[in-house]
């Protein structure tokens, strides 16, 4: 209610958001998925250091961008 009052000058604005969310149909979801989930997309997995097996697709090629401990102490990256 506080967010609705702060941003929309309406403490009951959450009801509008609930109606909008309920109005989304399976066709809407499929249409948006076809538009944005294409072969050109990027899959980003943020996982705890040392837990690369938790990545979205651990069997696919990936780039580990975690800096090595010695390079972070000097402020650099590899």
PDB file of N, CA and C in Angstrom:
ATOM      1  N   UNK A   1       0.813  -1.176   0.000  1.00  0.00           N
ATOM      2  CA  UNK A   1       0.000   0.000   0.000  1.00  0.00           C
ATOM      3  C   UNK A   1       0.867   1.255   0.000  1.00  0.00           C
ATOM      4  N   UNK A   2       1.954   1.195   0.749  1.00  0.00           N
ATOM      5  CA  UNK A   2       2.846   2.353   0.794  1.00  0.00           C
ATOM      6  C   UNK A   2       3.460   2.610  -0.576  1.00  0.00           C
ATOM      7  N   UNK A   3       3.843   1.559  -1.287  1.00  0.00           N
ATOM      8  CA  UNK A   3       4.410   1.721  -2.629  1.00  0.00           C
ATOM      9  C   UNK A   3       3.377   2.333  -3.566  1.00  0.00           C
ATOM     10  N   UNK A   4       2.154   1.842  -3.498  1.00  0.00           N
ATOM     11  CA  UNK A   4       1.105   2.392  -4.344  1.00  0.00           C
ATOM     12  C   UNK A   4       0.869   3.866  -4.064  1.00  0.00           C
ATOM     13  N   UNK A   5       0.868   4.221  -2.797  1.00  0.00           N
ATOM     14  CA  UNK A   5       0.669   5.620  -2.434  1.00  0.00           C
ATOM     15  C   UNK A   5       1.852   6.475  -2.888  1.00  0.00           C
ATOM     16  N   UNK A   6       3.057   5.946  -2.694  1.00  0.00           N
ATOM     17  CA  UNK A   6       4.266   6.702  -3.031  1.00  0.00           C
ATOM     18  C   UNK A   6       4.407   6.920  -4.530  1.00  0.00           C
ATOM     19  N   UNK A   7       4.235   5.860  -5.312  1.00  0.00           N
ATOM     20  CA  UNK A   7       4.516   5.952  -6.738  1.00  0.00           C
ATOM     21  C   UNK A   7       3.300   6.268  -7.606  1.00  0.00           C
ATOM     22  N   UNK A   8       2.099   5.963  -7.117  1.00  0.00           N
ATOM     23  CA  UNK A   8       0.903   6.131  -7.949  1.00  0.00           C
ATOM     24  C   UNK A   8      -0.168   6.996  -7.290  1.00  0.00           C
ATOM     25  N   UNK A   9       0.132   7.511  -6.105  1.00  0.00           N
ATOM     26  CA  UNK A   9      -0.829   8.315  -5.356  1.00  0.00           C
ATOM     27  C   UNK A   9      -2.130   7.545  -5.129  1.00  0.00           C
ATOM     28  N   UNK A  10      -1.987   6.226  -4.958  1.00  0.00           N
ATOM     29  CA  UNK A  10      -3.143   5.359  -4.771  1.00  0.00           C
ATOM     30  C   UNK A  10      -2.734   4.165  -3.917  1.00  0.00           C
ATOM     31  N   UNK A  11      -3.135   4.126  -2.652  1.00  0.00           N
ATOM     32  CA  UNK A  11      -2.735   3.013  -1.797  1.00  0.00           C
ATOM     33  C   UNK A  11      -3.302   1.667  -2.246  1.00  0.00           C
ATOM     34  N   UNK A  12      -4.318   1.686  -3.084  1.00  0.00           N
ATOM     35  CA  UNK A  12      -4.919   0.432  -3.559  1.00  0.00           C
ATOM     36  C   UNK A  12      -4.440   0.065  -4.970  1.00  0.00           C
ATOM     37  N   UNK A  13      -3.363   0.679  -5.409  1.00  0.00           N
ATOM     38  CA  UNK A  13      -2.836   0.412  -6.760  1.00  0.00           C
ATOM     39  C   UNK A  13      -2.472  -1.056  -6.944  1.00  0.00           C
ATOM     40  N   UNK A  14      -2.150  -1.755  -5.891  1.00  0.00           N
ATOM     41  CA  UNK A  14      -1.800  -3.179  -6.015  1.00  0.00           C
ATOM     42  C   UNK A  14      -2.944  -3.957  -6.662  1.00  0.00           C
ATOM     43  N   UNK A  15      -4.179  -3.513  -6.462  1.00  0.00           N
ATOM     44  CA  UNK A  15      -5.324  -4.203  -7.063  1.00  0.00           C
ATOM     45  C   UNK A  15      -5.274  -4.087  -8.589  1.00  0.00           C
ATOM     46  N   UNK A  16      -4.868  -2.946  -9.092  1.00  0.00           N
ATOM     47  CA  UNK A  16      -4.707  -2.768 -10.536  1.00  0.00           C
ATOM     48  C   UNK A  16      -3.641  -3.710 -11.067  1.00  0.00           C
ATOM     49  N   UNK A  17      -2.521  -3.805 -10.341  1.00  0.00           N
ATOM     50  CA  UNK A  17      -1.433  -4.692 -10.778  1.00  0.00           C
ATOM     51  C   UNK A  17      -1.877  -6.149 -10.758  1.00  0.00           C
ATOM     52  N   UNK A  18      -2.656  -6.539  -9.772  1.00  0.00           N
ATOM     53  CA  UNK A  18      -3.163  -7.915  -9.716  1.00  0.00           C
ATOM     54  C   UNK A  18      -4.089  -8.198 -10.894  1.00  0.00           C
ATOM     55  N   UNK A  19      -4.960  -7.252 -11.227  1.00  0.00           N
ATOM     56  CA  UNK A  19      -5.857  -7.429 -12.383  1.00  0.00           C
ATOM     57  C   UNK A  19      -5.056  -7.546 -13.673  1.00  0.00           C
ATOM     58  N   UNK A  20      -4.019  -6.723 -13.807  1.00  0.00           N
ATOM     59  CA  UNK A  20      -3.192  -6.782 -15.016  1.00  0.00           C
ATOM     60  C   UNK A  20      -2.480  -8.128 -15.122  1.00  0.00           C
ATOM     61  N   UNK A  21      -1.943  -8.616 -14.025  1.00  0.00           N
ATOM     62  CA  UNK A  21      -1.247  -9.904 -14.037  1.00  0.00           C
ATOM     63  C   UNK A  21      -2.215 -11.039 -14.344  1.00  0.00           C
ATOM     64  N   UNK A  22      -3.425 -10.969 -13.803  1.00  0.00           N
ATOM     65  CA  UNK A  22      -4.416 -12.016 -14.037  1.00  0.00           C
ATOM     66  C   UNK A  22      -4.911 -12.013 -15.483  1.00  0.00           C
ATOM     67  N   UNK A  23      -4.791 -10.886 -16.169  1.00  0.00           N
ATOM     68  CA  UNK A  23      -5.258 -10.776 -17.549  1.00  0.00           C
ATOM     69  C   UNK A  23      -4.292 -11.391 -18.557  1.00  0.00           C
ATOM     70  N   UNK A  24      -3.082 -11.725 -18.144  1.00  0.00           N
ATOM     71  CA  UNK A  24      -2.098 -12.326 -19.054  1.00  0.00           C
ATOM     72  C   UNK A  24      -2.551 -13.743 -19.380  1.00  0.00           C
ATOM     73  N   UNK A  25      -2.596 -14.045 -20.672  1.00  0.00           N
ATOM     74  CA  UNK A  25      -3.060 -15.357 -21.117  1.00  0.00           C
ATOM     75  C   UNK A  25      -1.876 -16.239 -21.515  1.00  0.00           C
ATOM     76  N   UNK A  26      -2.098 -17.535 -21.619  1.00  0.00           N
ATOM     77  CA  UNK A  26      -1.031 -18.413 -22.118  1.00  0.00           C
ATOM     78  C   UNK A  26      -0.554 -17.993 -23.513  1.00  0.00           C
ATOM     79  N   UNK A  27      -1.469 -17.514 -24.344  1.00  0.00           N
ATOM     80  CA  UNK A  27      -1.064 -17.037 -25.670  1.00  0.00           C
ATOM     81  C   UNK A  27      -0.128 -15.837 -25.570  1.00  0.00           C
ATOM     82  N   UNK A  28      -0.383 -14.943 -24.608  1.00  0.00           N
ATOM     83  CA  UNK A  28       0.506 -13.802 -24.383  1.00  0.00           C
ATOM     84  C   UNK A  28       1.910 -14.279 -24.035  1.00  0.00           C
ATOM     85  N   UNK A  29       1.990 -15.244 -23.133  1.00  0.00           N
ATOM     86  CA  UNK A  29       3.291 -15.769 -22.702  1.00  0.00           C
ATOM     87  C   UNK A  29       4.014 -16.412 -23.878  1.00  0.00           C
ATOM     88  N   UNK A  30       3.298 -17.195 -24.670  1.00  0.00           N
ATOM     89  CA  UNK A  30       3.919 -17.851 -25.819  1.00  0.00           C
ATOM     90  C   UNK A  30       4.382 -16.831 -26.857  1.00  0.00           C
ATOM     91  N   UNK A  31       3.585 -15.799 -27.099  1.00  0.00           N
ATOM     92  CA  UNK A  31       3.957 -14.771 -28.066  1.00  0.00           C
ATOM     93  C   UNK A  31       5.240 -14.064 -27.641  1.00  0.00           C
ATOM     94  N   UNK A  32       5.335 -13.708 -26.371  1.00  0.00           N
ATOM     95  CA  UNK A  32       6.523 -13.023 -25.872  1.00  0.00           C
ATOM     96  C   UNK A  32       7.725 -13.968 -25.875  1.00  0.00           C
ATOM     97  N   UNK A  33       7.505 -15.224 -25.531  1.00  0.00           N
ATOM     98  CA  UNK A  33       8.605 -16.197 -25.548  1.00  0.00           C
ATOM     99  C   UNK A  33       9.156 -16.352 -26.963  1.00  0.00           C
ATOM    100  N   UNK A  34       8.259 -16.438 -27.956  1.00  0.00           N
ATOM    101  CA  UNK A  34       8.725 -16.556 -29.355  1.00  0.00           C
ATOM    102  C   UNK A  34       9.504 -15.321 -29.778  1.00  0.00           C
ATOM    103  N   UNK A  35       9.119 -14.170 -29.262  1.00  0.00           N
ATOM    104  CA  UNK A  35       9.792 -12.933 -29.653  1.00  0.00           C
ATOM    105  C   UNK A  35      11.168 -12.795 -29.011  1.00  0.00           C
ATOM    106  N   UNK A  36      11.291 -13.155 -27.742  1.00  0.00           N
ATOM    107  CA  UNK A  36      12.528 -12.864 -27.009  1.00  0.00           C
ATOM    108  C   UNK A  36      13.413 -14.077 -26.734  1.00  0.00           C
ATOM    109  N   UNK A  37      12.864 -15.263 -26.670  1.00  0.00           N
ATOM    110  CA  UNK A  37      13.678 -16.437 -26.354  1.00  0.00           C
ATOM    111  C   UNK A  37      14.112 -17.119 -27.648  1.00  0.00           C
ATOM    112  N   UNK A  38      14.934 -16.428 -28.380  1.00  0.00           N
ATOM    113  CA  UNK A  38      15.394 -16.913 -29.679  1.00  0.00           C
ATOM    114  C   UNK A  38      16.779 -17.536 -29.546  1.00  0.00           C
ATOM    115  N   UNK A  39      17.297 -18.039 -30.634  1.00  0.00           N
ATOM    116  CA  UNK A  39      18.623 -18.668 -30.602  1.00  0.00           C
ATOM    117  C   UNK A  39      19.721 -17.654 -30.333  1.00  0.00           C
ATOM    118  N   UNK A  40      19.450 -16.378 -30.542  1.00  0.00           N
ATOM    119  CA  UNK A  40      20.458 -15.355 -30.315  1.00  0.00           C
ATOM    120  C   UNK A  40      20.517 -14.873 -28.870  1.00  0.00           C
ATOM    121  N   UNK A  41      19.771 -15.496 -27.998  1.00  0.00           N
ATOM    122  CA  UNK A  41      19.731 -15.018 -26.615  1.00  0.00           C
ATOM    123  C   UNK A  41      20.987 -15.437 -25.865  1.00  0.00           C
ATOM    124  N   UNK A  42      21.200 -14.805 -24.735  1.00  0.00           N
ATOM    125  CA  UNK A  42      22.322 -15.126 -23.858  1.00  0.00           C
ATOM    126  C   UNK A  42      21.753 -15.685 -22.569  1.00  0.00           C
ATOM    127  N   UNK A  43      22.313 -16.793 -22.098  1.00  0.00           N
ATOM    128  CA  UNK A  43      21.909 -17.365 -20.818  1.00  0.00           C
ATOM    129  C   UNK A  43      22.980 -16.992 -19.809  1.00  0.00           C
ATOM    130  N   UNK A  44      22.590 -16.272 -18.788  1.00  0.00           N
ATOM    131  CA  UNK A  44      23.525 -15.821 -17.761  1.00  0.00           C
ATOM    132  C   UNK A  44      23.213 -16.555 -16.473  1.00  0.00           C
ATOM    133  N   UNK A  45      24.200 -17.233 -15.927  1.00  0.00           N
ATOM    134  CA  UNK A  45      24.038 -17.906 -14.639  1.00  0.00           C
ATOM    135  C   UNK A  45      24.974 -17.256 -13.643  1.00  0.00           C
ATOM    136  N   UNK A  46      24.409 -16.778 -12.569  1.00  0.00           N
ATOM    137  CA  UNK A  46      25.227 -16.224 -11.482  1.00  0.00           C
ATOM    138  C   UNK A  46      25.188 -17.245 -10.357  1.00  0.00           C
ATOM    139  N   UNK A  47      26.335 -17.841 -10.099  1.00  0.00           N
ATOM    140  CA  UNK A  47      26.412 -18.895  -9.094  1.00  0.00           C
ATOM    141  C   UNK A  47      27.527 -18.566  -8.112  1.00  0.00           C
ATOM    142  N   UNK A  48      27.460 -19.135  -6.922  1.00  0.00           N
ATOM    143  CA  UNK A  48      28.535 -18.882  -5.958  1.00  0.00           C
ATOM    144  C   UNK A  48      29.885 -19.346  -6.502  1.00  0.00           C
ATOM    145  N   UNK A  49      30.940 -18.640  -6.141  1.00  0.00           N
ATOM    146  CA  UNK A  49      32.282 -19.006  -6.574  1.00  0.00           C
ATOM    147  C   UNK A  49      32.564 -20.457  -6.189  1.00  0.00           C
ATOM    148  N   UNK A  50      33.127 -21.203  -7.111  1.00  0.00           N
ATOM    149  CA  UNK A  50      33.468 -22.593  -6.859  1.00  0.00           C
ATOM    150  C   UNK A  50      32.297 -23.549  -7.040  1.00  0.00           C
ATOM    151  N   UNK A  51      31.143 -23.065  -7.476  1.00  0.00           N
ATOM    152  CA  UNK A  51      29.955 -23.910  -7.643  1.00  0.00           C
ATOM    153  C   UNK A  51      29.472 -23.878  -9.090  1.00  0.00           C
ATOM    154  N   UNK A  52      30.392 -24.027 -10.029  1.00  0.00           N
ATOM    155  CA  UNK A  52      30.040 -23.930 -11.444  1.00  0.00           C
ATOM    156  C   UNK A  52      29.038 -25.001 -11.865  1.00  0.00           C
ATOM    157  N   UNK A  53      28.932 -26.088 -11.113  1.00  0.00           N
ATOM    158  CA  UNK A  53      27.961 -27.128 -11.461  1.00  0.00           C
ATOM    159  C   UNK A  53      26.522 -26.633 -11.298  1.00  0.00           C
ATOM    160  N   UNK A  54      26.345 -25.506 -10.619  1.00  0.00           N
ATOM    161  CA  UNK A  54      25.010 -24.932 -10.452  1.00  0.00           C
ATOM    162  C   UNK A  54      24.607 -24.032 -11.623  1.00  0.00           C
ATOM    163  N   UNK A  55      25.486 -23.883 -12.592  1.00  0.00           N
ATOM    164  CA  UNK A  55      25.186 -23.042 -13.753  1.00  0.00           C
ATOM    165  C   UNK A  55      23.977 -23.592 -14.495  1.00  0.00           C
ATOM    166  N   UNK A  56      23.293 -22.735 -15.209  1.00  0.00           N
ATOM    167  CA  UNK A  56      22.080 -23.089 -15.928  1.00  0.00           C
ATOM    168  C   UNK A  56      22.266 -24.314 -16.822  1.00  0.00           C
ATOM    169  N   UNK A  57      23.336 -24.320 -17.597  1.00  0.00           N
ATOM    170  CA  UNK A  57      23.620 -25.442 -18.502  1.00  0.00           C
ATOM    171  C   UNK A  57      25.076 -25.845 -18.323  1.00  0.00           C
ATOM    172  N   UNK A  58      25.389 -26.554 -17.252  1.00  0.00           N
ATOM    173  CA  UNK A  58      26.800 -26.839 -16.947  1.00  0.00           C
ATOM    174  C   UNK A  58      27.502 -27.704 -17.981  1.00  0.00           C
ATOM    175  N   UNK A  59      26.759 -28.416 -18.827  1.00  0.00           N
ATOM    176  CA  UNK A  59      27.412 -29.259 -19.832  1.00  0.00           C
ATOM    177  C   UNK A  59      27.737 -28.490 -21.107  1.00  0.00           C
ATOM    178  N   UNK A  60      27.228 -27.273 -21.237  1.00  0.00           N
ATOM    179  CA  UNK A  60      27.495 -26.451 -22.412  1.00  0.00           C
ATOM    180  C   UNK A  60      28.763 -25.634 -22.187  1.00  0.00           C
ATOM    181  N   UNK A  61      29.412 -25.196 -23.255  1.00  0.00           N
ATOM    182  CA  UNK A  61      30.596 -24.348 -23.095  1.00  0.00           C
ATOM    183  C   UNK A  61      30.219 -23.058 -22.355  1.00  0.00           C
ATOM    184  N   UNK A  62      31.085 -22.591 -21.503  1.00  0.00           N
ATOM    185  CA  UNK A  62      30.823 -21.365 -20.761  1.00  0.00           C
ATOM    186  C   UNK A  62      32.129 -20.642 -20.509  1.00  0.00           C
ATOM    187  N   UNK A  63      32.009 -19.401 -20.125  1.00  0.00           N
ATOM    188  CA  UNK A  63      33.166 -18.596 -19.770  1.00  0.00           C
ATOM    189  C   UNK A  63      33.046 -18.259 -18.300  1.00  0.00           C
ATOM    190  N   UNK A  64      34.034 -18.617 -17.519  1.00  0.00           N
ATOM    191  CA  UNK A  64      34.055 -18.298 -16.099  1.00  0.00           C
ATOM    192  C   UNK A  64      34.721 -16.933 -15.963  1.00  0.00           C
ATOM    193  N   UNK A  65      33.953 -15.937 -15.557  1.00  0.00           N
ATOM    194  CA  UNK A  65      34.499 -14.585 -15.463  1.00  0.00           C
ATOM    195  C   UNK A  65      34.899 -14.212 -14.046  1.00  0.00           C
ATOM    196  N   UNK A  66      34.911 -15.188 -13.148  1.00  0.00           N
ATOM    197  CA  UNK A  66      35.339 -14.924 -11.781  1.00  0.00           C
ATOM    198  C   UNK A  66      36.843 -14.673 -11.771  1.00  0.00           C
ATOM    199  N   UNK A  67      37.233 -13.553 -11.207  1.00  0.00           N
ATOM    200  CA  UNK A  67      38.659 -13.229 -11.130  1.00  0.00           C
ATOM    201  C   UNK A  67      39.341 -14.173 -10.153  1.00  0.00           C
ATOM    202  N   UNK A  68      40.562 -14.532 -10.464  1.00  0.00           N
ATOM    203  CA  UNK A  68      41.351 -15.363  -9.555  1.00  0.00           C
ATOM    204  C   UNK A  68      41.657 -14.551  -8.298  1.00  0.00           C
ATOM    205  N   UNK A  69      41.742 -15.187  -7.139  1.00  0.00           N
ATOM    206  CA  UNK A  69      41.966 -14.448  -5.891  1.00  0.00           C
ATOM    207  C   UNK A  69      43.166 -13.516  -5.927  1.00  0.00           C
ATOM    208  N   UNK A  70      44.277 -13.946  -6.541  1.00  0.00           N
ATOM    209  CA  UNK A  70      45.455 -13.088  -6.547  1.00  0.00           C
ATOM    210  C   UNK A  70      45.245 -11.845  -7.412  1.00  0.00           C
ATOM    211  N   UNK A  71      44.433 -11.951  -8.467  1.00  0.00           N
ATOM    212  CA  UNK A  71      44.230 -10.765  -9.311  1.00  0.00           C
ATOM    213  C   UNK A  71      43.265  -9.789  -8.672  1.00  0.00           C
ATOM    214  N   UNK A  72      42.333 -10.272  -7.831  1.00  0.00           N
ATOM    215  CA  UNK A  72      41.405  -9.331  -7.182  1.00  0.00           C
ATOM    216  C   UNK A  72      42.118  -8.538  -6.110  1.00  0.00           C
ATOM    217  N   UNK A  73      43.152  -9.110  -5.498  1.00  0.00           N
ATOM    218  CA  UNK A  73      43.853  -8.364  -4.463  1.00  0.00           C
ATOM    219  C   UNK A  73      44.640  -7.199  -5.031  1.00  0.00           C
ATOM    220  N   UNK A  74      45.000  -7.293  -6.329  1.00  0.00           N
ATOM    221  CA  UNK A  74      45.706  -6.194  -6.979  1.00  0.00           C
ATOM    222  C   UNK A  74      44.754  -5.296  -7.756  1.00  0.00           C
ATOM    223  N   UNK A  75      43.470  -5.664  -7.760  1.00  0.00           N
ATOM    224  CA  UNK A  75      42.487  -4.854  -8.451  1.00  0.00           C
ATOM    225  C   UNK A  75      42.378  -5.126  -9.931  1.00  0.00           C
ATOM    226  N   UNK A  76      43.085  -6.131 -10.439  1.00  0.00           N
ATOM    227  CA  UNK A  76      43.041  -6.434 -11.864  1.00  0.00           C
ATOM    228  C   UNK A  76      42.143  -7.624 -12.142  1.00  0.00           C
ATOM    229  N   UNK A  77      41.978  -7.928 -13.414  1.00  0.00           N
ATOM    230  CA  UNK A  77      41.228  -9.110 -13.831  1.00  0.00           C
ATOM    231  C   UNK A  77      42.018  -9.829 -14.888  1.00  0.00           C
ATOM    232  N   UNK A  78      41.647 -11.039 -15.146  1.00  0.00           N
ATOM    233  CA  UNK A  78      42.297 -11.829 -16.185  1.00  0.00           C
ATOM    234  C   UNK A  78      41.477 -11.829 -17.434  1.00  0.00           C
TER     235      UNK A  78
END
